[in-house]
Amino acid sequence: MGDKIRILHLSDLHIPENMMEDNEFKSVKQRLMADISSQKKRFGDINIIVFTGDIVNKGHSELFETEELKKFFEDIIRQAGANKENVLLVPGNHDASRPDASDIVDKYITSVRTEQKVTEKPEEVRFLCGRYERFTKFHSQIIGDGSIKNSYGVRDIVIQNQVYRFI
């Protein structure tokens, strides 16, 4: 088992704002932790954890700023036996704060379709980046590197002197 790499991939969690009171969430959390524990006993520690998109259901909520959400992610990492340096958090559309900004969002969607640059206006760039401000702060608390640059583009993770590339 020593030379095998184990990856836990969790996506579209859509954690509700009232996670502490939501019985469905509590049940899912309990089953998730039990499943991670079972897989860990069967296969060994998980080397890499990848959380992709839609961590929360509403990015404009204060959920990213709560100790409960931070503890939930820390519990997953601890239960899996992973190092936080080997955790990737990639935001989804639900993780963005979505104020009324249809004009810049329309520009962005058009740019994706036409493969043109979205904007060069600094205020519009700040707006687009600001949509993930809460996610960015949360990412920094979980990963500890102070930025989300390691969740975008190419990221290398070294396990047992072997480089694994995530794109």
Foldseek 3Di string as FASTA:
>chain_A
DQVDAAEAEAEQLQQEPPLVPDPVNVVVLVVLLVVLLVVCVVPNAHAAYEYEENNHQALQDCSLVDPVSLVSLVSSCVSRVYDLQRYAYYYHPRNFHDDPDVVLVVLVVVCVVVVHDSDPDPVSVCVVVNRNVSVQVSNCSRSVPNGNPCNDDWHWDADPNDTDIDD
